[in-house]
Structures are given as C-alpha cells and as structure tokens.
Amino acid sequence: MMDAFKLCFSCIRVKRVLIAQAEAEKIKKIGEAEACSIEAVGKAEAEKMRLKAEAYQQYGDAAKTALVLEALPKVKQRDVLQLSKVQLL
C-alpha cells in the first residue's frame, strides 16, 4: 500500500515538472516569435529609409524642397499652438 502512495506522489511530481517545462517552452517560443516579428519590422523600416534616401539623392534639391514643404504644416501648427498660449497685455 505504501509503495502505491509513493508511486502516486512520484507521478504527481513528474507531472508538475513536465507541465512547468511545457510552460517554459511555450514562453520561449512566444518570445522567439515576437523577436522575429520585431526584427522583420525593423528591417522593413530600414529598407524604406534606404529607398527614400536613394530617391532623395537622385532628385537632389527637388527632394530637399519636398521635405521642407512636407514639414511646413507641422511647424506651422506647432507655432500656432505656441502663439495661442501667449496672453495679450
């Protein structure tokens, strides 16, 4: 009878260890998948920037002018917000 209890407790311990190992493997696989995803996004963004820089280099001054014109609305909006905080005397 005592051997049956020992065997039962031993089985429970083995089960707990196996469950913990499976959970650890699951967490590892999820982490690896997330890392691959982050790496793919980073590579895509780097390629986008490289292609954009290449295009700007080909167009020279026209590209620089396009960048400035693209940024102007943002700059203007920021300045308007700053001016709206100024109180007239």
PDB file of N, CA and C in Angstrom:
ATOM      1  N   MET A   1       0.822  -1.188   0.000  1.00  0.00           N
ATOM      2  CA  MET A   1       0.000   0.000   0.000  1.00  0.00           C
ATOM      3  C   MET A   1       0.871   1.258   0.000  1.00  0.00           C
ATOM      4  N   MET A   2       1.935   1.249   0.807  1.00  0.00           N
ATOM      5  CA  MET A   2       2.826   2.397   0.901  1.00  0.00           C
ATOM      6  C   MET A   2       3.516   2.658  -0.430  1.00  0.00           C
ATOM      7  N   ASP A   3       3.867   1.590  -1.139  1.00  0.00           N
ATOM      8  CA  ASP A   3       4.504   1.748  -2.439  1.00  0.00           C
ATOM      9  C   ASP A   3       3.569   2.422  -3.425  1.00  0.00           C
ATOM     10  N   ALA A   4       2.296   2.152  -3.332  1.00  0.00           N
ATOM     11  CA  ALA A   4       1.308   2.763  -4.229  1.00  0.00           C
ATOM     12  C   ALA A   4       1.245   4.264  -3.985  1.00  0.00           C
ATOM     13  N   PHE A   5       1.300   4.689  -2.710  1.00  0.00           N
ATOM     14  CA  PHE A   5       1.295   6.114  -2.395  1.00  0.00           C
ATOM     15  C   PHE A   5       2.559   6.794  -2.901  1.00  0.00           C
ATOM     16  N   LYS A   6       3.692   6.149  -2.701  1.00  0.00           N
ATOM     17  CA  LYS A   6       4.947   6.712  -3.186  1.00  0.00           C
ATOM     18  C   LYS A   6       4.918   6.866  -4.702  1.00  0.00           C
ATOM     19  N   LEU A   7       4.391   5.855  -5.370  1.00  0.00           N
ATOM     20  CA  LEU A   7       4.291   5.904  -6.818  1.00  0.00           C
ATOM     21  C   LEU A   7       3.362   7.039  -7.249  1.00  0.00           C
ATOM     22  N   CYS A   8       2.275   7.209  -6.553  1.00  0.00           N
ATOM     23  CA  CYS A   8       1.312   8.263  -6.868  1.00  0.00           C
ATOM     24  C   CYS A   8       1.953   9.646  -6.696  1.00  0.00           C
ATOM     25  N   PHE A   9       2.644   9.867  -5.594  1.00  0.00           N
ATOM     26  CA  PHE A   9       3.304  11.151  -5.355  1.00  0.00           C
ATOM     27  C   PHE A   9       4.416  11.391  -6.371  1.00  0.00           C
ATOM     28  N   SER A  10       5.103  10.336  -6.721  1.00  0.00           N
ATOM     29  CA  SER A  10       6.145  10.455  -7.727  1.00  0.00           C
ATOM     30  C   SER A  10       5.548  10.861  -9.070  1.00  0.00           C
ATOM     31  N   CYS A  11       4.431  10.292  -9.411  1.00  0.00           N
ATOM     32  CA  CYS A  11       3.745  10.639 -10.661  1.00  0.00           C
ATOM     33  C   CYS A  11       3.286  12.101 -10.644  1.00  0.00           C
ATOM     34  N   ILE A  12       2.807  12.539  -9.512  1.00  0.00           N
ATOM     35  CA  ILE A  12       2.356  13.933  -9.387  1.00  0.00           C
ATOM     36  C   ILE A  12       3.537  14.875  -9.578  1.00  0.00           C
ATOM     37  N   ARG A  13       4.667  14.563  -8.963  1.00  0.00           N
ATOM     38  CA  ARG A  13       5.859  15.391  -9.131  1.00  0.00           C
ATOM     39  C   ARG A  13       6.312  15.430 -10.588  1.00  0.00           C
ATOM     40  N   VAL A  14       6.345  14.295 -11.231  1.00  0.00           N
ATOM     41  CA  VAL A  14       6.748  14.229 -12.643  1.00  0.00           C
ATOM     42  C   VAL A  14       5.784  15.060 -13.496  1.00  0.00           C
ATOM     43  N   LYS A  15       4.511  14.942 -13.203  1.00  0.00           N
ATOM     44  CA  LYS A  15       3.503  15.703 -13.949  1.00  0.00           C
ATOM     45  C   LYS A  15       3.745  17.204 -13.791  1.00  0.00           C
ATOM     46  N   ARG A  16       3.996  17.647 -12.573  1.00  0.00           N
ATOM     47  CA  ARG A  16       4.247  19.076 -12.321  1.00  0.00           C
ATOM     48  C   ARG A  16       5.495  19.557 -13.061  1.00  0.00           C
ATOM     49  N   VAL A  17       6.534  18.747 -13.055  1.00  0.00           N
ATOM     50  CA  VAL A  17       7.772  19.108 -13.749  1.00  0.00           C
ATOM     51  C   VAL A  17       7.512  19.211 -15.245  1.00  0.00           C
ATOM     52  N   LEU A  18       6.800  18.243 -15.785  1.00  0.00           N
ATOM     53  CA  LEU A  18       6.508  18.259 -17.222  1.00  0.00           C
ATOM     54  C   LEU A  18       5.653  19.459 -17.611  1.00  0.00           C
ATOM     55  N   ILE A  19       4.691  19.815 -16.780  1.00  0.00           N
ATOM     56  CA  ILE A  19       3.849  20.985 -17.043  1.00  0.00           C
ATOM     57  C   ILE A  19       4.691  22.260 -17.002  1.00  0.00           C
ATOM     58  N   ALA A  20       5.568  22.356 -16.017  1.00  0.00           N
ATOM     59  CA  ALA A  20       6.445  23.534 -15.913  1.00  0.00           C
ATOM     60  C   ALA A  20       7.377  23.627 -17.122  1.00  0.00           C
ATOM     61  N   GLN A  21       7.916  22.504 -17.556  1.00  0.00           N
ATOM     62  CA  GLN A  21       8.785  22.506 -18.733  1.00  0.00           C
ATOM     63  C   GLN A  21       8.011  22.921 -19.986  1.00  0.00           C
ATOM     64  N   ALA A  22       6.797  22.444 -20.121  1.00  0.00           N
ATOM     65  CA  ALA A  22       5.969  22.803 -21.276  1.00  0.00           C
ATOM     66  C   ALA A  22       5.649  24.293 -21.259  1.00  0.00           C
ATOM     67  N   GLU A  23       5.350  24.826 -20.093  1.00  0.00           N
ATOM     68  CA  GLU A  23       5.063  26.265 -19.969  1.00  0.00           C
ATOM     69  C   GLU A  23       6.299  27.093 -20.316  1.00  0.00           C
ATOM     70  N   ALA A  24       7.461  26.649 -19.857  1.00  0.00           N
ATOM     71  CA  ALA A  24       8.708  27.360 -20.171  1.00  0.00           C
ATOM     72  C   ALA A  24       8.970  27.335 -21.674  1.00  0.00           C
ATOM     73  N   GLU A  25       8.744  26.207 -22.298  1.00  0.00           N
ATOM     74  CA  GLU A  25       8.941  26.094 -23.752  1.00  0.00           C
ATOM     75  C   GLU A  25       7.956  26.994 -24.500  1.00  0.00           C
ATOM     76  N   LYS A  26       6.738  27.060 -24.007  1.00  0.00           N
ATOM     77  CA  LYS A  26       5.724  27.937 -24.617  1.00  0.00           C
ATOM     78  C   LYS A  26       6.174  29.398 -24.550  1.00  0.00           C
ATOM     79  N   ILE A  27       6.635  29.828 -23.390  1.00  0.00           N
ATOM     80  CA  ILE A  27       7.098  31.209 -23.209  1.00  0.00           C
ATOM     81  C   ILE A  27       8.295  31.479 -24.117  1.00  0.00           C
ATOM     82  N   LYS A  28       9.199  30.517 -24.225  1.00  0.00           N
ATOM     83  CA  LYS A  28      10.371  30.664 -25.096  1.00  0.00           C
ATOM     84  C   LYS A  28       9.941  30.832 -26.547  1.00  0.00           C
ATOM     85  N   LYS A  29       9.014  30.017 -27.013  1.00  0.00           N
ATOM     86  CA  LYS A  29       8.561  30.077 -28.405  1.00  0.00           C
ATOM     87  C   LYS A  29       7.844  31.398 -28.688  1.00  0.00           C
ATOM     88  N   ILE A  30       7.046  31.856 -27.758  1.00  0.00           N
ATOM     89  CA  ILE A  30       6.364  33.147 -27.927  1.00  0.00           C
ATOM     90  C   ILE A  30       7.395  34.269 -28.023  1.00  0.00           C
ATOM     91  N   GLY A  31       8.387  34.244 -27.161  1.00  0.00           N
ATOM     92  CA  GLY A  31       9.446  35.255 -27.201  1.00  0.00           C
ATOM     93  C   GLY A  31      10.211  35.238 -28.516  1.00  0.00           C
ATOM     94  N   GLU A  32      10.517  34.061 -29.001  1.00  0.00           N
ATOM     95  CA  GLU A  32      11.221  33.946 -30.279  1.00  0.00           C
ATOM     96  C   GLU A  32      10.368  34.499 -31.419  1.00  0.00           C
ATOM     97  N   ALA A  33       9.079  34.211 -31.392  1.00  0.00           N
ATOM     98  CA  ALA A  33       8.186  34.712 -32.444  1.00  0.00           C
ATOM     99  C   ALA A  33       8.084  36.235 -32.396  1.00  0.00           C
ATOM    100  N   GLU A  34       7.988  36.780 -31.195  1.00  0.00           N
ATOM    101  CA  GLU A  34       7.936  38.241 -31.056  1.00  0.00           C
ATOM    102  C   GLU A  34       9.240  38.877 -31.537  1.00  0.00           C
ATOM    103  N   ALA A  35      10.357  38.270 -31.241  1.00  0.00           N
ATOM    104  CA  ALA A  35      11.652  38.792 -31.681  1.00  0.00           C
ATOM    105  C   ALA A  35      11.741  38.778 -33.203  1.00  0.00           C
ATOM    106  N   CYS A  36      11.278  37.717 -33.828  1.00  0.00           N
ATOM    107  CA  CYS A  36      11.289  37.643 -35.296  1.00  0.00           C
ATOM    108  C   CYS A  36      10.410  38.727 -35.896  1.00  0.00           C
ATOM    109  N   SER A  37       9.283  38.968 -35.275  1.00  0.00           N
ATOM    110  CA  SER A  37       8.370  40.000 -35.756  1.00  0.00           C
ATOM    111  C   SER A  37       9.008  41.381 -35.656  1.00  0.00           C
ATOM    112  N   ILE A  38       9.620  41.663 -34.534  1.00  0.00           N
ATOM    113  CA  ILE A  38      10.279  42.962 -34.329  1.00  0.00           C
ATOM    114  C   ILE A  38      11.425  43.128 -35.320  1.00  0.00           C
ATOM    115  N   GLU A  39      12.174  42.065 -35.535  1.00  0.00           N
ATOM    116  CA  GLU A  39      13.285  42.121 -36.481  1.00  0.00           C
ATOM    117  C   GLU A  39      12.773  42.397 -37.899  1.00  0.00           C
ATOM    118  N   ALA A  40      11.687  41.746 -38.292  1.00  0.00           N
ATOM    119  CA  ALA A  40      11.138  41.944 -39.641  1.00  0.00           C
ATOM    120  C   ALA A  40      10.659  43.374 -39.830  1.00  0.00           C
ATOM    121  N   VAL A  41      10.001  43.925 -38.821  1.00  0.00           N
ATOM    122  CA  VAL A  41       9.536  45.314 -38.900  1.00  0.00           C
ATOM    123  C   VAL A  41      10.731  46.261 -38.998  1.00  0.00           C
ATOM    124  N   GLY A  42      11.743  46.026 -38.192  1.00  0.00           N
ATOM    125  CA  GLY A  42      12.946  46.865 -38.235  1.00  0.00           C
ATOM    126  C   GLY A  42      13.629  46.826 -39.591  1.00  0.00           C
ATOM    127  N   LYS A  43      13.749  45.638 -40.155  1.00  0.00           N
ATOM    128  CA  LYS A  43      14.375  45.510 -41.472  1.00  0.00           C
ATOM    129  C   LYS A  43      13.545  46.222 -42.539  1.00  0.00           C
ATOM    130  N   ALA A  44      12.234  46.096 -42.453  1.00  0.00           N
ATOM    131  CA  ALA A  44      11.367  46.758 -43.431  1.00  0.00           C
ATOM    132  C   ALA A  44      11.478  48.275 -43.319  1.00  0.00           C
ATOM    133  N   GLU A  45      11.516  48.788 -42.101  1.00  0.00           N
ATOM    134  CA  GLU A  45      11.655  50.234 -41.908  1.00  0.00           C
ATOM    135  C   GLU A  45      13.020  50.725 -42.399  1.00  0.00           C
ATOM    136  N   ALA A  46      14.053  49.949 -42.163  1.00  0.00           N
ATOM    137  CA  ALA A  46      15.384  50.331 -42.636  1.00  0.00           C
ATOM    138  C   ALA A  46      15.425  50.352 -44.164  1.00  0.00           C
ATOM    139  N   GLU A  47      14.800  49.373 -44.780  1.00  0.00           N
ATOM    140  CA  GLU A  47      14.758  49.335 -46.244  1.00  0.00           C
ATOM    141  C   GLU A  47      13.958  50.508 -46.793  1.00  0.00           C
ATOM    142  N   LYS A  48      12.882  50.842 -46.129  1.00  0.00           N
ATOM    143  CA  LYS A  48      12.077  52.001 -46.534  1.00  0.00           C
ATOM    144  C   LYS A  48      12.916  53.278 -46.474  1.00  0.00           C
ATOM    145  N   MET A  49      13.658  53.441 -45.390  1.00  0.00           N
ATOM    146  CA  MET A  49      14.501  54.631 -45.240  1.00  0.00           C
ATOM    147  C   MET A  49      15.612  54.651 -46.287  1.00  0.00           C
ATOM    148  N   ARG A  50      16.181  53.486 -46.568  1.00  0.00           N
ATOM    149  CA  ARG A  50      17.242  53.414 -47.567  1.00  0.00           C
ATOM    150  C   ARG A  50      16.721  53.808 -48.948  1.00  0.00           C
ATOM    151  N   LEU A  51      15.560  53.287 -49.290  1.00  0.00           N
ATOM    152  CA  LEU A  51      14.975  53.616 -50.590  1.00  0.00           C
ATOM    153  C   LEU A  51      14.591  55.088 -50.679  1.00  0.00           C
ATOM    154  N   LYS A  52      14.084  55.612 -49.579  1.00  0.00           N
ATOM    155  CA  LYS A  52      13.715  57.026 -49.546  1.00  0.00           C
ATOM    156  C   LYS A  52      14.958  57.902 -49.712  1.00  0.00           C
ATOM    157  N   ALA A  53      16.027  57.556 -49.020  1.00  0.00           N
ATOM    158  CA  ALA A  53      17.271  58.315 -49.132  1.00  0.00           C
ATOM    159  C   ALA A  53      17.829  58.228 -50.549  1.00  0.00           C
ATOM    160  N   GLU A  54      17.733  57.067 -51.139  1.00  0.00           N
ATOM    161  CA  GLU A  54      18.198  56.887 -52.515  1.00  0.00           C
ATOM    162  C   GLU A  54      17.388  57.762 -53.480  1.00  0.00           C
ATOM    163  N   ALA A  55      16.087  57.790 -53.270  1.00  0.00           N
ATOM    164  CA  ALA A  55      15.239  58.621 -54.133  1.00  0.00           C
ATOM    165  C   ALA A  55      15.564  60.098 -53.942  1.00  0.00           C
ATOM    166  N   TYR A  56      15.747  60.528 -52.709  1.00  0.00           N
ATOM    167  CA  TYR A  56      16.079  61.934 -52.452  1.00  0.00           C
ATOM    168  C   TYR A  56      17.423  62.295 -53.073  1.00  0.00           C
ATOM    169  N   GLN A  57      18.356  61.378 -53.026  1.00  0.00           N
ATOM    170  CA  GLN A  57      19.675  61.634 -53.604  1.00  0.00           C
ATOM    171  C   GLN A  57      19.574  61.799 -55.118  1.00  0.00           C
ATOM    172  N   GLN A  58      18.710  61.028 -55.737  1.00  0.00           N
ATOM    173  CA  GLN A  58      18.550  61.118 -57.188  1.00  0.00           C
ATOM    174  C   GLN A  58      17.923  62.443 -57.604  1.00  0.00           C
ATOM    175  N   TYR A  59      17.027  62.934 -56.772  1.00  0.00           N
ATOM    176  CA  TYR A  59      16.326  64.163 -57.137  1.00  0.00           C
ATOM    177  C   TYR A  59      16.990  65.423 -56.603  1.00  0.00           C
ATOM    178  N   GLY A  60      17.958  65.280 -55.712  1.00  0.00           N
ATOM    179  CA  GLY A  60      18.735  66.410 -55.220  1.00  0.00           C
ATOM    180  C   GLY A  60      17.907  67.499 -54.568  1.00  0.00           C
ATOM    181  N   ASP A  61      18.040  68.722 -55.093  1.00  0.00           N
ATOM    182  CA  ASP A  61      17.377  69.888 -54.495  1.00  0.00           C
ATOM    183  C   ASP A  61      15.863  69.754 -54.482  1.00  0.00           C
ATOM    184  N   ALA A  62      15.310  69.148 -55.491  1.00  0.00           N
ATOM    185  CA  ALA A  62      13.854  68.973 -55.534  1.00  0.00           C
ATOM    186  C   ALA A  62      13.390  68.135 -54.342  1.00  0.00           C
ATOM    187  N   ALA A  63      14.157  67.129 -53.998  1.00  0.00           N
ATOM    188  CA  ALA A  63      13.795  66.285 -52.861  1.00  0.00           C
ATOM    189  C   ALA A  63      13.888  67.059 -51.553  1.00  0.00           C
ATOM    190  N   LYS A  64      14.927  67.877 -51.418  1.00  0.00           N
ATOM    191  CA  LYS A  64      15.063  68.681 -50.197  1.00  0.00           C
ATOM    192  C   LYS A  64      13.910  69.654 -50.069  1.00  0.00           C
ATOM    193  N   THR A  65      13.522  70.260 -51.163  1.00  0.00           N
ATOM    194  CA  THR A  65      12.380  71.183 -51.160  1.00  0.00           C
ATOM    195  C   THR A  65      11.105  70.431 -50.777  1.00  0.00           C
ATOM    196  N   ALA A  66      10.928  69.235 -51.302  1.00  0.00           N
ATOM    197  CA  ALA A  66       9.760  68.424 -50.961  1.00  0.00           C
ATOM    198  C   ALA A  66       9.724  68.119 -49.467  1.00  0.00           C
ATOM    199  N   LEU A  67      10.884  67.817 -48.882  1.00  0.00           N
ATOM    200  CA  LEU A  67      10.946  67.549 -47.440  1.00  0.00           C
ATOM    201  C   LEU A  67      10.537  68.769 -46.633  1.00  0.00           C
ATOM    202  N   VAL A  68      11.028  69.925 -47.035  1.00  0.00           N
ATOM    203  CA  VAL A  68      10.697  71.163 -46.326  1.00  0.00           C
ATOM    204  C   VAL A  68       9.206  71.441 -46.441  1.00  0.00           C
ATOM    205  N   LEU A  69       8.662  71.312 -47.640  1.00  0.00           N
ATOM    206  CA  LEU A  69       7.234  71.571 -47.834  1.00  0.00           C
ATOM    207  C   LEU A  69       6.375  70.570 -47.069  1.00  0.00           C
ATOM    208  N   GLU A  70       6.861  69.355 -46.953  1.00  0.00           N
ATOM    209  CA  GLU A  70       6.137  68.328 -46.200  1.00  0.00           C
ATOM    210  C   GLU A  70       6.115  68.660 -44.708  1.00  0.00           C
ATOM    211  N   ALA A  71       7.179  69.270 -44.220  1.00  0.00           N
ATOM    212  CA  ALA A  71       7.296  69.571 -42.789  1.00  0.00           C
ATOM    213  C   ALA A  71       6.622  70.885 -42.401  1.00  0.00           C
ATOM    214  N   LEU A  72       6.413  71.775 -43.354  1.00  0.00           N
ATOM    215  CA  LEU A  72       5.887  73.094 -43.024  1.00  0.00           C
ATOM    216  C   LEU A  72       4.553  73.071 -42.263  1.00  0.00           C
ATOM    217  N   PRO A  73       3.572  72.272 -42.669  1.00  0.00           N
ATOM    218  CA  PRO A  73       2.321  72.273 -41.903  1.00  0.00           C
ATOM    219  C   PRO A  73       2.507  71.899 -40.431  1.00  0.00           C
ATOM    220  N   LYS A  74       3.414  70.973 -40.162  1.00  0.00           N
ATOM    221  CA  LYS A  74       3.669  70.570 -38.778  1.00  0.00           C
ATOM    222  C   LYS A  74       4.309  71.716 -37.999  1.00  0.00           C
ATOM    223  N   VAL A  75       5.252  72.390 -38.631  1.00  0.00           N
ATOM    224  CA  VAL A  75       5.929  73.513 -37.980  1.00  0.00           C
ATOM    225  C   VAL A  75       4.934  74.635 -37.730  1.00  0.00           C
ATOM    226  N   LYS A  76       4.122  74.925 -38.736  1.00  0.00           N
ATOM    227  CA  LYS A  76       3.132  75.998 -38.602  1.00  0.00           C
ATOM    228  C   LYS A  76       2.152  75.682 -37.475  1.00  0.00           C
ATOM    229  N   GLN A  77       1.691  74.447 -37.410  1.00  0.00           N
ATOM    230  CA  GLN A  77       0.752  74.054 -36.357  1.00  0.00           C
ATOM    231  C   GLN A  77       1.393  74.229 -34.977  1.00  0.00           C
ATOM    232  N   ARG A  78       2.649  73.841 -34.851  1.00  0.00           N
ATOM    233  CA  ARG A  78       3.347  73.978 -33.570  1.00  0.00           C
ATOM    234  C   ARG A  78       3.450  75.448 -33.183  1.00  0.00           C
ATOM    235  N   ASP A  79       3.794  76.303 -34.157  1.00  0.00           N
ATOM    236  CA  ASP A  79       3.921  77.732 -33.883  1.00  0.00           C
ATOM    237  C   ASP A  79       2.587  78.347 -33.498  1.00  0.00           C
ATOM    238  N   VAL A  80       1.523  77.936 -34.168  1.00  0.00           N
ATOM    239  CA  VAL A  80       0.190  78.455 -33.852  1.00  0.00           C
ATOM    240  C   VAL A  80      -0.188  78.056 -32.435  1.00  0.00           C
ATOM    241  N   LEU A  81       0.105  76.830 -32.045  1.00  0.00           N
ATOM    242  CA  LEU A  81      -0.196  76.396 -30.682  1.00  0.00           C
ATOM    243  C   LEU A  81       0.582  77.208 -29.656  1.00  0.00           C
ATOM    244  N   GLN A  82       1.827  77.492 -29.953  1.00  0.00           N
ATOM    245  CA  GLN A  82       2.642  78.284 -29.047  1.00  0.00           C
ATOM    246  C   GLN A  82       2.094  79.713 -28.934  1.00  0.00           C
ATOM    247  N   LEU A  83       1.728  80.292 -30.060  1.00  0.00           N
ATOM    248  CA  LEU A  83       1.188  81.654 -30.060  1.00  0.00           C
ATOM    249  C   LEU A  83      -0.161  81.716 -29.335  1.00  0.00           C
ATOM    250  N   SER A  84      -0.941  80.647 -29.395  1.00  0.00           N
ATOM    251  CA  SER A  84      -2.241  80.656 -28.736  1.00  0.00           C
ATOM    252  C   SER A  84      -2.095  80.700 -27.217  1.00  0.00           C
ATOM    253  N   LYS A  85      -0.937  80.353 -26.710  1.00  0.00           N
ATOM    254  CA  LYS A  85      -0.690  80.374 -25.266  1.00  0.00           C
ATOM    255  C   LYS A  85      -0.247  81.753 -24.769  1.00  0.00           C
ATOM    256  N   VAL A  86       0.097  82.629 -25.702  1.00  0.00           N
ATOM    257  CA  VAL A  86       0.559  83.956 -25.348  1.00  0.00           C
ATOM    258  C   VAL A  86      -0.643  84.831 -25.004  1.00  0.00           C
ATOM    259  N   GLN A  87      -0.560  85.522 -23.898  1.00  0.00           N
ATOM    260  CA  GLN A  87      -1.645  86.424 -23.486  1.00  0.00           C
ATOM    261  C   GLN A  87      -1.271  87.845 -23.866  1.00  0.00           C
ATOM    262  N   LEU A  88      -2.235  88.510 -24.451  1.00  0.00           N
ATOM    263  CA  LEU A  88      -2.016  89.918 -24.820  1.00  0.00           C
ATOM    264  C   LEU A  88      -2.184  90.783 -23.580  1.00  0.00           C
ATOM    265  N   LEU A  89      -1.394  91.842 -23.505  1.00  0.00           N
ATOM    266  CA  LEU A  89      -1.473  92.732 -22.351  1.00  0.00           C
ATOM    267  C   LEU A  89      -2.555  93.751 -22.506  1.00  0.00           C
TER     268      LEU A  89
END
